[in-house]
Amino acid sequence: MVKKKRNGKLFSFQEDVNRELPPNNDQQQTRAEKKMKVTEMRMLMWMWMCGHTRMDNIRNDDIREMVHISPIDDKKREARLKWFGHVQRRSPDAPVRRCERLVMEGTRRGKRRPKKYWGEVIRHDMARLQISEDMTLDRKLWRSSIKVVG
């Protein structure tokens, strides 16, 4: 390995080459960037299935509708309610159920908008689907009422 001196410090030839070359994309990509790339490729695949290209300038929502894929928000709601049903069917002494009864006292709220709690989101989701908490005890009824088609 050839070493040379620059500004009083020793540098190897490899360090100079690495400094001059652009970074390797495979090594430098973050997890979010990889996930975005996979999502983009999936959307392109669905476009090609419908016989379209990027040049056609068709919105992603329209393509999802053509391929009969449900919106992401509906799928997220289904997952939240599925977990809620699972938790509600557990015994009241289970650790996951004991967390519901915890009350935080003495905590100071900030000046900003208050955080949205999981229970609030679940209540909103159940109101939107017009289902009640009592339905969680019957697993088949609960799953059929929260199921998103697509």
N, C-alpha and C. Protein backbone atom coordinates (compact mmCIF):
# COMPACT_ATOMS: atom_id res chain seq x y z
N MET A 1 0.84 -1.17 0.00
CA MET A 1 0.00 0.00 0.00
C MET A 1 0.90 1.24 0.00
N VAL A 2 0.61 2.14 -0.91
CA VAL A 2 1.41 3.34 -1.06
C VAL A 2 0.86 4.41 -0.12
N LYS A 3 1.75 4.99 0.67
CA LYS A 3 1.35 6.07 1.56
C LYS A 3 1.99 7.35 1.07
N LYS A 4 1.26 8.44 1.15
CA LYS A 4 1.83 9.73 0.79
C LYS A 4 1.45 10.74 1.85
N LYS A 5 2.18 11.81 1.88
CA LYS A 5 1.99 12.80 2.91
C LYS A 5 1.21 13.98 2.35
N ARG A 6 0.19 14.41 3.08
CA ARG A 6 -0.58 15.58 2.68
C ARG A 6 -0.85 16.39 3.94
N ASN A 7 -0.46 17.63 3.92
CA ASN A 7 -0.64 18.54 5.06
C ASN A 7 -0.08 17.95 6.35
N GLY A 8 1.03 17.28 6.26
CA GLY A 8 1.69 16.73 7.44
C GLY A 8 1.10 15.42 7.93
N LYS A 9 0.12 14.86 7.24
CA LYS A 9 -0.49 13.60 7.66
C LYS A 9 -0.27 12.54 6.59
N LEU A 10 -0.16 11.29 7.02
CA LEU A 10 0.01 10.20 6.08
C LEU A 10 -1.36 9.69 5.62
N PHE A 11 -1.53 9.53 4.32
CA PHE A 11 -2.75 9.01 3.74
C PHE A 11 -2.39 7.86 2.82
N SER A 12 -3.24 6.84 2.79
CA SER A 12 -3.02 5.75 1.85
C SER A 12 -3.68 6.11 0.53
N PHE A 13 -3.26 5.45 -0.51
CA PHE A 13 -3.83 5.67 -1.82
C PHE A 13 -5.32 5.33 -1.82
N GLN A 14 -5.69 4.26 -1.10
CA GLN A 14 -7.08 3.82 -1.05
C GLN A 14 -7.98 4.90 -0.44
N GLU A 15 -7.51 5.58 0.60
CA GLU A 15 -8.30 6.65 1.22
C GLU A 15 -8.55 7.78 0.23
N ASP A 16 -7.56 8.08 -0.60
CA ASP A 16 -7.73 9.12 -1.62
C ASP A 16 -8.78 8.69 -2.64
N VAL A 17 -8.71 7.44 -3.07
CA VAL A 17 -9.66 6.94 -4.06
C VAL A 17 -11.07 6.97 -3.47
N ASN A 18 -11.22 6.51 -2.25
CA ASN A 18 -12.54 6.50 -1.61
C ASN A 18 -13.09 7.91 -1.46
N ARG A 19 -12.21 8.86 -1.20
CA ARG A 19 -12.66 10.24 -1.03
C ARG A 19 -13.14 10.84 -2.35
N GLU A 20 -12.55 10.42 -3.46
CA GLU A 20 -12.89 10.97 -4.76
C GLU A 20 -14.11 10.32 -5.39
N LEU A 21 -14.36 9.03 -5.10
CA LEU A 21 -15.47 8.32 -5.72
C LEU A 21 -16.79 8.65 -5.02
N PRO A 22 -17.87 8.62 -5.76
CA PRO A 22 -19.18 8.81 -5.11
C PRO A 22 -19.48 7.61 -4.21
N PRO A 23 -20.28 7.80 -3.16
CA PRO A 23 -20.56 6.69 -2.25
C PRO A 23 -21.35 5.58 -2.94
N ASN A 24 -21.12 4.36 -2.51
CA ASN A 24 -21.82 3.20 -3.04
C ASN A 24 -23.26 3.25 -2.54
N ASN A 25 -24.21 3.28 -3.45
CA ASN A 25 -25.61 3.44 -3.07
C ASN A 25 -26.14 2.29 -2.22
N ASP A 26 -25.69 1.06 -2.49
CA ASP A 26 -26.19 -0.07 -1.73
C ASP A 26 -25.81 0.02 -0.26
N GLN A 27 -24.62 0.53 0.01
CA GLN A 27 -24.16 0.62 1.39
C GLN A 27 -24.73 1.85 2.09
N GLN A 28 -24.97 2.91 1.37
CA GLN A 28 -25.35 4.18 1.97
C GLN A 28 -26.86 4.33 2.15
N GLN A 29 -27.67 3.49 1.51
CA GLN A 29 -29.12 3.65 1.59
C GLN A 29 -29.62 3.33 2.98
N THR A 30 -30.52 4.15 3.46
CA THR A 30 -31.13 3.88 4.75
C THR A 30 -32.29 2.90 4.57
N ARG A 31 -32.80 2.46 5.68
CA ARG A 31 -33.91 1.51 5.64
C ARG A 31 -35.14 2.13 4.99
N ALA A 32 -35.41 3.40 5.30
CA ALA A 32 -36.58 4.08 4.73
C ALA A 32 -36.44 4.23 3.22
N GLU A 33 -35.23 4.52 2.75
CA GLU A 33 -35.00 4.66 1.31
C GLU A 33 -35.23 3.34 0.59
N LYS A 34 -34.78 2.24 1.20
CA LYS A 34 -35.00 0.92 0.58
C LYS A 34 -36.48 0.59 0.53
N LYS A 35 -37.19 0.92 1.60
CA LYS A 35 -38.62 0.64 1.66
C LYS A 35 -39.36 1.46 0.60
N MET A 36 -38.95 2.71 0.41
CA MET A 36 -39.57 3.57 -0.59
C MET A 36 -39.32 3.04 -1.99
N LYS A 37 -38.11 2.53 -2.21
CA LYS A 37 -37.78 1.99 -3.53
C LYS A 37 -38.62 0.74 -3.83
N VAL A 38 -38.84 -0.10 -2.83
CA VAL A 38 -39.67 -1.30 -3.01
C VAL A 38 -41.10 -0.88 -3.32
N THR A 39 -41.61 0.11 -2.60
CA THR A 39 -42.97 0.60 -2.83
C THR A 39 -43.11 1.16 -4.24
N GLU A 40 -42.09 1.88 -4.68
CA GLU A 40 -42.11 2.46 -6.03
C GLU A 40 -42.11 1.36 -7.09
N MET A 41 -41.31 0.33 -6.89
CA MET A 41 -41.25 -0.77 -7.86
C MET A 41 -42.58 -1.53 -7.89
N ARG A 42 -43.21 -1.68 -6.73
CA ARG A 42 -44.50 -2.36 -6.68
C ARG A 42 -45.54 -1.56 -7.47
N MET A 43 -45.51 -0.25 -7.33
CA MET A 43 -46.45 0.60 -8.05
C MET A 43 -46.20 0.51 -9.56
N LEU A 44 -44.92 0.47 -9.96
CA LEU A 44 -44.59 0.32 -11.38
C LEU A 44 -45.11 -1.00 -11.92
N MET A 45 -44.98 -2.06 -11.12
CA MET A 45 -45.46 -3.37 -11.54
C MET A 45 -46.97 -3.33 -11.77
N TRP A 46 -47.70 -2.69 -10.86
CA TRP A 46 -49.15 -2.58 -11.02
C TRP A 46 -49.50 -1.75 -12.25
N MET A 47 -48.70 -0.72 -12.53
CA MET A 47 -48.93 0.10 -13.73
C MET A 47 -48.80 -0.76 -14.97
N TRP A 48 -47.71 -1.53 -15.02
CA TRP A 48 -47.45 -2.37 -16.18
C TRP A 48 -48.55 -3.42 -16.34
N MET A 49 -49.08 -3.93 -15.22
CA MET A 49 -50.17 -4.91 -15.29
C MET A 49 -51.39 -4.31 -15.97
N CYS A 50 -51.61 -3.01 -15.74
CA CYS A 50 -52.77 -2.33 -16.33
C CYS A 50 -52.48 -1.83 -17.73
N GLY A 51 -51.25 -1.99 -18.20
CA GLY A 51 -50.90 -1.56 -19.54
C GLY A 51 -50.54 -0.09 -19.62
N HIS A 52 -50.08 0.50 -18.53
CA HIS A 52 -49.70 1.91 -18.51
C HIS A 52 -48.22 2.06 -18.18
N THR A 53 -47.67 3.22 -18.48
CA THR A 53 -46.30 3.55 -18.11
C THR A 53 -46.32 4.85 -17.33
N ARG A 54 -45.14 5.27 -16.87
CA ARG A 54 -45.05 6.53 -16.13
C ARG A 54 -45.41 7.73 -17.02
N MET A 55 -45.20 7.58 -18.29
CA MET A 55 -45.48 8.68 -19.22
C MET A 55 -46.98 9.00 -19.27
N ASP A 56 -47.83 8.05 -18.87
CA ASP A 56 -49.27 8.27 -18.91
C ASP A 56 -49.76 9.19 -17.79
N ASN A 57 -48.89 9.45 -16.77
CA ASN A 57 -49.22 10.34 -15.65
C ASN A 57 -50.55 9.98 -14.98
N ILE A 58 -50.64 8.75 -14.55
CA ILE A 58 -51.83 8.29 -13.84
C ILE A 58 -51.51 8.27 -12.35
N ARG A 59 -52.43 8.77 -11.53
CA ARG A 59 -52.23 8.85 -10.09
C ARG A 59 -52.17 7.45 -9.47
N ASN A 60 -51.38 7.33 -8.41
CA ASN A 60 -51.22 6.04 -7.73
C ASN A 60 -52.55 5.52 -7.19
N ASP A 61 -53.39 6.43 -6.67
CA ASP A 61 -54.68 6.01 -6.14
C ASP A 61 -55.55 5.39 -7.23
N ASP A 62 -55.49 5.96 -8.44
CA ASP A 62 -56.27 5.42 -9.55
C ASP A 62 -55.79 4.02 -9.94
N ILE A 63 -54.47 3.82 -9.90
CA ILE A 63 -53.91 2.51 -10.24
C ILE A 63 -54.32 1.48 -9.19
N ARG A 64 -54.25 1.87 -7.91
CA ARG A 64 -54.67 0.95 -6.84
C ARG A 64 -56.13 0.55 -7.02
N GLU A 65 -56.94 1.50 -7.48
CA GLU A 65 -58.36 1.21 -7.69
C GLU A 65 -58.53 0.24 -8.87
N MET A 66 -57.74 0.40 -9.92
CA MET A 66 -57.82 -0.49 -11.08
C MET A 66 -57.44 -1.92 -10.72
N VAL A 67 -56.45 -2.06 -9.83
CA VAL A 67 -55.95 -3.38 -9.46
C VAL A 67 -56.74 -3.95 -8.27
N HIS A 68 -57.69 -3.18 -7.76
CA HIS A 68 -58.54 -3.57 -6.64
C HIS A 68 -57.75 -3.79 -5.36
N ILE A 69 -56.90 -2.81 -5.03
CA ILE A 69 -56.14 -2.83 -3.79
C ILE A 69 -56.74 -1.76 -2.88
N SER A 70 -57.04 -2.13 -1.66
CA SER A 70 -57.69 -1.19 -0.74
C SER A 70 -56.69 -0.12 -0.28
N PRO A 71 -57.19 1.05 0.10
CA PRO A 71 -56.32 2.13 0.56
C PRO A 71 -55.54 1.75 1.82
N ILE A 72 -54.38 2.35 1.98
CA ILE A 72 -53.49 2.03 3.09
C ILE A 72 -54.15 2.38 4.42
N ASP A 73 -54.88 3.48 4.49
CA ASP A 73 -55.54 3.89 5.73
C ASP A 73 -56.52 2.82 6.21
N ASP A 74 -57.25 2.21 5.28
CA ASP A 74 -58.20 1.17 5.66
C ASP A 74 -57.48 -0.06 6.20
N LYS A 75 -56.36 -0.41 5.60
CA LYS A 75 -55.58 -1.55 6.06
C LYS A 75 -55.00 -1.29 7.46
N LYS A 76 -54.54 -0.05 7.69
CA LYS A 76 -54.01 0.29 9.01
C LYS A 76 -55.11 0.24 10.06
N ARG A 77 -56.30 0.71 9.71
CA ARG A 77 -57.43 0.67 10.63
C ARG A 77 -57.78 -0.79 10.96
N GLU A 78 -57.77 -1.63 9.94
CA GLU A 78 -58.08 -3.05 10.16
C GLU A 78 -57.08 -3.68 11.13
N ALA A 79 -55.80 -3.37 10.97
CA ALA A 79 -54.76 -3.94 11.84
C ALA A 79 -54.94 -3.45 13.28
N ARG A 80 -55.24 -2.15 13.43
CA ARG A 80 -55.46 -1.61 14.78
C ARG A 80 -56.63 -2.28 15.46
N LEU A 81 -57.74 -2.43 14.75
CA LEU A 81 -58.93 -3.03 15.33
C LEU A 81 -58.75 -4.53 15.58
N LYS A 82 -57.96 -5.19 14.74
CA LYS A 82 -57.68 -6.60 14.94
C LYS A 82 -56.93 -6.79 16.27
N TRP A 83 -55.92 -5.93 16.50
CA TRP A 83 -55.16 -6.00 17.75
C TRP A 83 -56.07 -5.65 18.93
N PHE A 84 -56.94 -4.66 18.78
CA PHE A 84 -57.86 -4.27 19.84
C PHE A 84 -58.76 -5.44 20.23
N GLY A 85 -59.28 -6.15 19.25
CA GLY A 85 -60.12 -7.31 19.51
C GLY A 85 -59.35 -8.40 20.25
N HIS A 86 -58.10 -8.60 19.85
CA HIS A 86 -57.25 -9.59 20.50
C HIS A 86 -57.04 -9.23 21.98
N VAL A 87 -56.77 -7.96 22.24
CA VAL A 87 -56.54 -7.49 23.61
C VAL A 87 -57.81 -7.61 24.44
N GLN A 88 -58.95 -7.25 23.86
CA GLN A 88 -60.20 -7.27 24.61
C GLN A 88 -60.63 -8.68 24.99
N ARG A 89 -60.24 -9.68 24.19
CA ARG A 89 -60.61 -11.05 24.50
C ARG A 89 -59.72 -11.67 25.58
N ARG A 90 -58.61 -11.01 25.92
CA ARG A 90 -57.74 -11.50 27.00
C ARG A 90 -58.40 -11.29 28.35
N SER A 91 -57.91 -11.98 29.36
CA SER A 91 -58.47 -11.82 30.71
C SER A 91 -58.05 -10.46 31.27
N PRO A 92 -58.86 -9.90 32.17
CA PRO A 92 -58.52 -8.58 32.74
C PRO A 92 -57.21 -8.56 33.53
N ASP A 93 -56.72 -9.73 33.94
CA ASP A 93 -55.46 -9.79 34.70
C ASP A 93 -54.24 -9.88 33.80
N ALA A 94 -54.43 -10.03 32.52
CA ALA A 94 -53.30 -10.13 31.59
C ALA A 94 -52.52 -8.81 31.59
N PRO A 95 -51.19 -8.88 31.45
CA PRO A 95 -50.39 -7.64 31.50
C PRO A 95 -50.81 -6.60 30.47
N VAL A 96 -51.22 -7.04 29.30
CA VAL A 96 -51.61 -6.07 28.26
C VAL A 96 -52.89 -5.34 28.65
N ARG A 97 -53.76 -6.00 29.41
CA ARG A 97 -55.00 -5.36 29.86
C ARG A 97 -54.75 -4.46 31.06
N ARG A 98 -53.75 -4.81 31.88
CA ARG A 98 -53.45 -3.97 33.04
C ARG A 98 -52.95 -2.59 32.61
N CYS A 99 -52.31 -2.52 31.45
CA CYS A 99 -51.81 -1.23 30.95
C CYS A 99 -52.94 -0.26 30.67
N GLU A 100 -54.12 -0.77 30.34
CA GLU A 100 -55.27 0.10 30.08
C GLU A 100 -55.68 0.87 31.32
N ARG A 101 -55.51 0.23 32.47
CA ARG A 101 -55.98 0.84 33.72
C ARG A 101 -54.97 1.80 34.33
N LEU A 102 -53.77 1.89 33.76
CA LEU A 102 -52.76 2.80 34.30
C LEU A 102 -53.20 4.24 34.13
N VAL A 103 -52.98 5.03 35.16
CA VAL A 103 -53.31 6.45 35.11
C VAL A 103 -52.03 7.22 35.42
N MET A 104 -51.68 8.11 34.54
CA MET A 104 -50.48 8.93 34.74
C MET A 104 -50.88 10.20 35.48
N GLU A 105 -50.37 10.34 36.69
CA GLU A 105 -50.68 11.54 37.48
C GLU A 105 -49.42 12.37 37.61
N GLY A 106 -49.61 13.66 37.66
CA GLY A 106 -48.49 14.56 37.86
C GLY A 106 -47.68 14.84 36.62
N THR A 107 -48.11 14.34 35.47
CA THR A 107 -47.38 14.64 34.24
C THR A 107 -47.86 15.97 33.70
N ARG A 108 -46.95 16.73 33.19
CA ARG A 108 -47.27 18.05 32.70
C ARG A 108 -47.46 18.00 31.19
N ARG A 109 -48.53 18.56 30.71
CA ARG A 109 -48.80 18.59 29.29
C ARG A 109 -48.08 19.80 28.68
N GLY A 110 -47.63 19.66 27.47
CA GLY A 110 -46.93 20.74 26.81
C GLY A 110 -47.89 21.80 26.28
N LYS A 111 -47.33 22.80 25.66
CA LYS A 111 -48.15 23.89 25.11
C LYS A 111 -48.75 23.53 23.76
N ARG A 112 -48.19 22.53 23.14
CA ARG A 112 -48.65 22.15 21.80
C ARG A 112 -49.94 21.34 21.86
N ARG A 113 -50.39 20.93 20.69
CA ARG A 113 -51.60 20.11 20.60
C ARG A 113 -51.36 18.80 21.35
N PRO A 114 -52.35 18.36 22.14
CA PRO A 114 -52.15 17.12 22.90
C PRO A 114 -52.02 15.91 21.98
N LYS A 115 -51.25 14.93 22.43
CA LYS A 115 -51.03 13.73 21.64
C LYS A 115 -52.32 12.92 21.56
N LYS A 116 -52.45 12.23 20.46
CA LYS A 116 -53.62 11.37 20.26
C LYS A 116 -53.29 10.00 20.86
N TYR A 117 -54.10 9.55 21.77
CA TYR A 117 -53.87 8.28 22.42
C TYR A 117 -54.48 7.15 21.62
N TRP A 118 -53.96 5.94 21.85
CA TRP A 118 -54.41 4.76 21.13
C TRP A 118 -55.90 4.53 21.33
N GLY A 119 -56.37 4.71 22.55
CA GLY A 119 -57.79 4.50 22.84
C GLY A 119 -58.68 5.45 22.05
N GLU A 120 -58.24 6.70 21.90
CA GLU A 120 -59.00 7.67 21.13
C GLU A 120 -59.09 7.26 19.67
N VAL A 121 -57.99 6.77 19.13
CA VAL A 121 -57.96 6.35 17.73
C VAL A 121 -58.89 5.15 17.53
N ILE A 122 -58.86 4.21 18.48
CA ILE A 122 -59.71 3.03 18.39
C ILE A 122 -61.18 3.42 18.45
N ARG A 123 -61.52 4.32 19.37
CA ARG A 123 -62.92 4.77 19.48
C ARG A 123 -63.38 5.44 18.19
N HIS A 124 -62.50 6.23 17.59
CA HIS A 124 -62.82 6.90 16.32
C HIS A 124 -63.03 5.87 15.21
N ASP A 125 -62.14 4.86 15.16
CA ASP A 125 -62.26 3.81 14.14
C ASP A 125 -63.56 3.02 14.31
N MET A 126 -63.90 2.69 15.56
CA MET A 126 -65.14 1.93 15.79
C MET A 126 -66.36 2.77 15.44
N ALA A 127 -66.32 4.06 15.72
CA ALA A 127 -67.45 4.93 15.36
C ALA A 127 -67.59 5.01 13.84
N ARG A 128 -66.47 5.05 13.15
CA ARG A 128 -66.51 5.14 11.69
C ARG A 128 -67.11 3.89 11.06
N LEU A 129 -66.81 2.72 11.65
CA LEU A 129 -67.34 1.47 11.13
C LEU A 129 -68.67 1.08 11.77
N GLN A 130 -69.13 1.88 12.71
CA GLN A 130 -70.39 1.65 13.42
C GLN A 130 -70.40 0.27 14.09
N ILE A 131 -69.37 0.01 14.87
CA ILE A 131 -69.30 -1.24 15.63
C ILE A 131 -69.10 -0.90 17.10
N SER A 132 -69.45 -1.84 17.97
CA SER A 132 -69.34 -1.58 19.40
C SER A 132 -68.27 -2.48 20.02
N GLU A 133 -67.89 -2.14 21.24
CA GLU A 133 -66.85 -2.88 21.93
C GLU A 133 -67.32 -4.27 22.33
N ASP A 134 -68.62 -4.45 22.49
CA ASP A 134 -69.17 -5.75 22.88
C ASP A 134 -68.97 -6.80 21.79
N MET A 135 -68.83 -6.37 20.57
CA MET A 135 -68.68 -7.30 19.45
C MET A 135 -67.34 -8.03 19.49
N THR A 136 -66.36 -7.52 20.26
CA THR A 136 -65.03 -8.14 20.29
C THR A 136 -65.06 -9.55 20.87
N LEU A 137 -66.05 -9.84 21.71
CA LEU A 137 -66.10 -11.15 22.35
C LEU A 137 -66.39 -12.27 21.35
N ASP A 138 -67.13 -11.97 20.30
CA ASP A 138 -67.40 -12.94 19.25
C ASP A 138 -66.38 -12.71 18.13
N ARG A 139 -65.38 -13.57 18.08
CA ARG A 139 -64.24 -13.35 17.17
C ARG A 139 -64.66 -13.33 15.70
N LYS A 140 -65.51 -14.25 15.29
CA LYS A 140 -65.92 -14.31 13.88
C LYS A 140 -66.69 -13.05 13.49
N LEU A 141 -67.59 -12.61 14.35
CA LEU A 141 -68.36 -11.39 14.07
C LEU A 141 -67.44 -10.19 14.00
N TRP A 142 -66.49 -10.11 14.92
CA TRP A 142 -65.56 -8.97 14.97
C TRP A 142 -64.70 -8.93 13.72
N ARG A 143 -64.13 -10.07 13.34
CA ARG A 143 -63.25 -10.10 12.17
C ARG A 143 -64.02 -9.78 10.90
N SER A 144 -65.26 -10.25 10.80
CA SER A 144 -66.03 -9.96 9.59
C SER A 144 -66.45 -8.50 9.52
N SER A 145 -66.63 -7.85 10.68
CA SER A 145 -67.06 -6.46 10.67
C SER A 145 -65.90 -5.49 10.42
N ILE A 146 -64.66 -5.90 10.72
CA ILE A 146 -63.52 -4.99 10.50
C ILE A 146 -62.77 -5.30 9.22
N LYS A 147 -63.10 -6.41 8.57
CA LYS A 147 -62.37 -6.86 7.37
C LYS A 147 -62.47 -5.84 6.23
N VAL A 148 -61.32 -5.53 5.64
CA VAL A 148 -61.26 -4.63 4.48
C VAL A 148 -61.14 -5.51 3.24
N VAL A 149 -62.01 -5.31 2.30
CA VAL A 149 -62.00 -6.10 1.07
C VAL A 149 -60.96 -5.51 0.14
N GLY A 150 -60.08 -6.35 -0.37
CA GLY A 150 -59.07 -5.88 -1.32
C GLY A 150 -57.69 -6.23 -0.95
